[in-house]
């Protein structure tokens, strides 16, 4: 029972955090996998490697982690320079004061 409550609390925290970041009450995760990755990040017990298809919501995972843990470091590895430029632009949209 304790694990179930912890899981439900983790799910609620993840969704609430997402809605805080976007300042929208109706925003949802793209997939179950994306929501689960956020929950693992929020637990802060292990490093996270997320592999999702193009458009699967990987960017949100590290952005939400950075949004929630402003005093911690988030490391993102991007394979292409073009992706790096796109990612910087997207981060500027979410965190204009920090990038």
C-alpha atoms as a PDB file:
ATOM      1  CA  UNK A   1       0.000   0.000   0.000  1.00  0.00           C
ATOM      2  CA  UNK A   2       2.818   2.431   0.824  1.00  0.00           C
ATOM      3  CA  UNK A   3       4.332   1.966  -2.661  1.00  0.00           C
ATOM      4  CA  UNK A   4       0.978   2.688  -4.276  1.00  0.00           C
ATOM      5  CA  UNK A   5       0.514   5.881  -2.293  1.00  0.00           C
ATOM      6  CA  UNK A   6       4.047   6.959  -3.124  1.00  0.00           C
ATOM      7  CA  UNK A   7       3.383   6.264  -6.792  1.00  0.00           C
ATOM      8  CA  UNK A   8       0.128   8.236  -6.739  1.00  0.00           C
ATOM      9  CA  UNK A   9       1.825  11.133  -4.982  1.00  0.00           C
ATOM     10  CA  UNK A  10       4.634  11.012  -7.506  1.00  0.00           C
ATOM     11  CA  UNK A  11       2.160  11.080 -10.400  1.00  0.00           C
ATOM     12  CA  UNK A  12       0.269  14.003  -8.864  1.00  0.00           C
ATOM     13  CA  UNK A  13       3.480  15.947  -8.203  1.00  0.00           C
ATOM     14  CA  UNK A  14       4.678  15.404 -11.765  1.00  0.00           C
ATOM     15  CA  UNK A  15       1.399  16.607 -13.282  1.00  0.00           C
ATOM     16  CA  UNK A  16       1.146  19.579 -10.926  1.00  0.00           C
ATOM     17  CA  UNK A  17       4.730  20.579 -11.756  1.00  0.00           C
ATOM     18  CA  UNK A  18       4.031  20.364 -15.481  1.00  0.00           C
ATOM     19  CA  UNK A  19       1.004  22.615 -15.083  1.00  0.00           C
ATOM     20  CA  UNK A  20       3.027  25.102 -13.003  1.00  0.00           C
ATOM     21  CA  UNK A  21       5.762  25.300 -15.622  1.00  0.00           C
ATOM     22  CA  UNK A  22       3.350  25.971 -18.497  1.00  0.00           C
ATOM     23  CA  UNK A  23       0.903  27.941 -16.326  1.00  0.00           C
ATOM     24  CA  UNK A  24      -1.982  25.950 -17.837  1.00  0.00           C
ATOM     25  CA  UNK A  25      -4.425  23.760 -15.938  1.00  0.00           C
ATOM     26  CA  UNK A  26      -5.230  21.505 -18.887  1.00  0.00           C
ATOM     27  CA  UNK A  27      -1.716  20.519 -20.013  1.00  0.00           C
ATOM     28  CA  UNK A  28      -0.915  16.777 -19.959  1.00  0.00           C
ATOM     29  CA  UNK A  29       2.052  14.515 -20.599  1.00  0.00           C
ATOM     30  CA  UNK A  30       2.445  13.200 -24.153  1.00  0.00           C
ATOM     31  CA  UNK A  31       2.867   9.613 -23.052  1.00  0.00           C
ATOM     32  CA  UNK A  32       2.980   7.265 -20.092  1.00  0.00           C
ATOM     33  CA  UNK A  33       6.749   6.907 -20.627  1.00  0.00           C
ATOM     34  CA  UNK A  34       7.277  10.673 -20.459  1.00  0.00           C
ATOM     35  CA  UNK A  35       5.296  10.900 -17.210  1.00  0.00           C
ATOM     36  CA  UNK A  36       7.219   7.966 -15.716  1.00  0.00           C
ATOM     37  CA  UNK A  37      10.562   9.554 -16.607  1.00  0.00           C
ATOM     38  CA  UNK A  38       9.549  12.748 -14.814  1.00  0.00           C
ATOM     39  CA  UNK A  39       8.526  10.742 -11.764  1.00  0.00           C
ATOM     40  CA  UNK A  40      11.947   9.054 -11.645  1.00  0.00           C
ATOM     41  CA  UNK A  41      13.639  12.448 -11.946  1.00  0.00           C
ATOM     42  CA  UNK A  42      11.532  13.849  -9.109  1.00  0.00           C
ATOM     43  CA  UNK A  43      12.571  11.006  -6.788  1.00  0.00           C
ATOM     44  CA  UNK A  44      16.249  12.087  -7.148  1.00  0.00           C
ATOM     45  CA  UNK A  45      17.507   8.588  -6.341  1.00  0.00           C
ATOM     46  CA  UNK A  46      19.163   7.718  -9.646  1.00  0.00           C
ATOM     47  CA  UNK A  47      20.436   9.163 -12.906  1.00  0.00           C
ATOM     48  CA  UNK A  48      17.981   9.041 -15.792  1.00  0.00           C
ATOM     49  CA  UNK A  49      18.531   8.129 -19.426  1.00  0.00           C
ATOM     50  CA  UNK A  50      15.434   8.617 -21.574  1.00  0.00           C
ATOM     51  CA  UNK A  51      15.117   7.271 -25.093  1.00  0.00           C
ATOM     52  CA  UNK A  52      11.908   8.247 -26.846  1.00  0.00           C
ATOM     53  CA  UNK A  53      11.062   8.697 -30.534  1.00  0.00           C
ATOM     54  CA  UNK A  54      11.231  12.053 -32.270  1.00  0.00           C
ATOM     55  CA  UNK A  55       8.408  14.157 -30.895  1.00  0.00           C
ATOM     56  CA  UNK A  56       8.095  11.886 -27.855  1.00  0.00           C
ATOM     57  CA  UNK A  57       8.682  14.653 -25.325  1.00  0.00           C
ATOM     58  CA  UNK A  58      12.324  14.255 -24.282  1.00  0.00           C
ATOM     59  CA  UNK A  59      12.857  18.000 -24.122  1.00  0.00           C
ATOM     60  CA  UNK A  60      10.100  18.469 -21.582  1.00  0.00           C
ATOM     61  CA  UNK A  61      11.731  15.949 -19.263  1.00  0.00           C
ATOM     62  CA  UNK A  62      14.936  17.903 -18.803  1.00  0.00           C
ATOM     63  CA  UNK A  63      13.182  21.275 -18.927  1.00  0.00           C
ATOM     64  CA  UNK A  64      10.786  20.297 -16.163  1.00  0.00           C
ATOM     65  CA  UNK A  65      13.657  18.921 -14.085  1.00  0.00           C
ATOM     66  CA  UNK A  66      15.536  22.206 -14.487  1.00  0.00           C
ATOM     67  CA  UNK A  67      12.373  24.185 -13.729  1.00  0.00           C
ATOM     68  CA  UNK A  68      11.842  22.305 -10.474  1.00  0.00           C
ATOM     69  CA  UNK A  69      15.465  22.082  -9.351  1.00  0.00           C
ATOM     70  CA  UNK A  70      16.748  25.555 -10.086  1.00  0.00           C
ATOM     71  CA  UNK A  71      19.687  25.173  -7.682  1.00  0.00           C
ATOM     72  CA  UNK A  72      20.844  21.845  -9.182  1.00  0.00           C
ATOM     73  CA  UNK A  73      22.577  20.917 -12.439  1.00  0.00           C
ATOM     74  CA  UNK A  74      20.868  19.246 -15.387  1.00  0.00           C
ATOM     75  CA  UNK A  75      23.154  17.673 -17.999  1.00  0.00           C
ATOM     76  CA  UNK A  76      21.777  17.192 -21.513  1.00  0.00           C
ATOM     77  CA  UNK A  77      23.693  15.426 -24.283  1.00  0.00           C
ATOM     78  CA  UNK A  78      22.694  16.389 -27.824  1.00  0.00           C
ATOM     79  CA  UNK A  79      24.087  14.499 -30.812  1.00  0.00           C
ATOM     80  CA  UNK A  80      23.929  17.243 -33.463  1.00  0.00           C
ATOM     81  CA  UNK A  81      24.852  20.927 -33.600  1.00  0.00           C
ATOM     82  CA  UNK A  82      21.496  21.714 -35.250  1.00  0.00           C
ATOM     83  CA  UNK A  83      19.708  20.101 -32.306  1.00  0.00           C
ATOM     84  CA  UNK A  84      21.818  22.115 -29.909  1.00  0.00           C
ATOM     85  CA  UNK A  85      20.764  25.384 -31.540  1.00  0.00           C
ATOM     86  CA  UNK A  86      17.108  24.343 -31.570  1.00  0.00           C
ATOM     87  CA  UNK A  87      17.295  23.228 -27.936  1.00  0.00           C
ATOM     88  CA  UNK A  88      18.880  26.514 -26.848  1.00  0.00           C
ATOM     89  CA  UNK A  89      16.064  28.412 -28.529  1.00  0.00           C
ATOM     90  CA  UNK A  90      13.417  26.255 -26.885  1.00  0.00           C
ATOM     91  CA  UNK A  91      15.066  26.684 -23.496  1.00  0.00           C
ATOM     92  CA  UNK A  92      15.182  30.453 -24.003  1.00  0.00           C
ATOM     93  CA  UNK A  93      11.428  30.341 -24.536  1.00  0.00           C
ATOM     94  CA  UNK A  94      10.899  28.536 -21.214  1.00  0.00           C
ATOM     95  CA  UNK A  95      13.725  30.118 -19.190  1.00  0.00           C
ATOM     96  CA  UNK A  96      14.488  33.501 -20.806  1.00  0.00           C
ATOM     97  CA  UNK A  97      16.388  34.768 -17.779  1.00  0.00           C
ATOM     98  CA  UNK A  98      18.717  31.750 -17.447  1.00  0.00           C
ATOM     99  CA  UNK A  99      19.907  30.856 -20.957  1.00  0.00           C
END
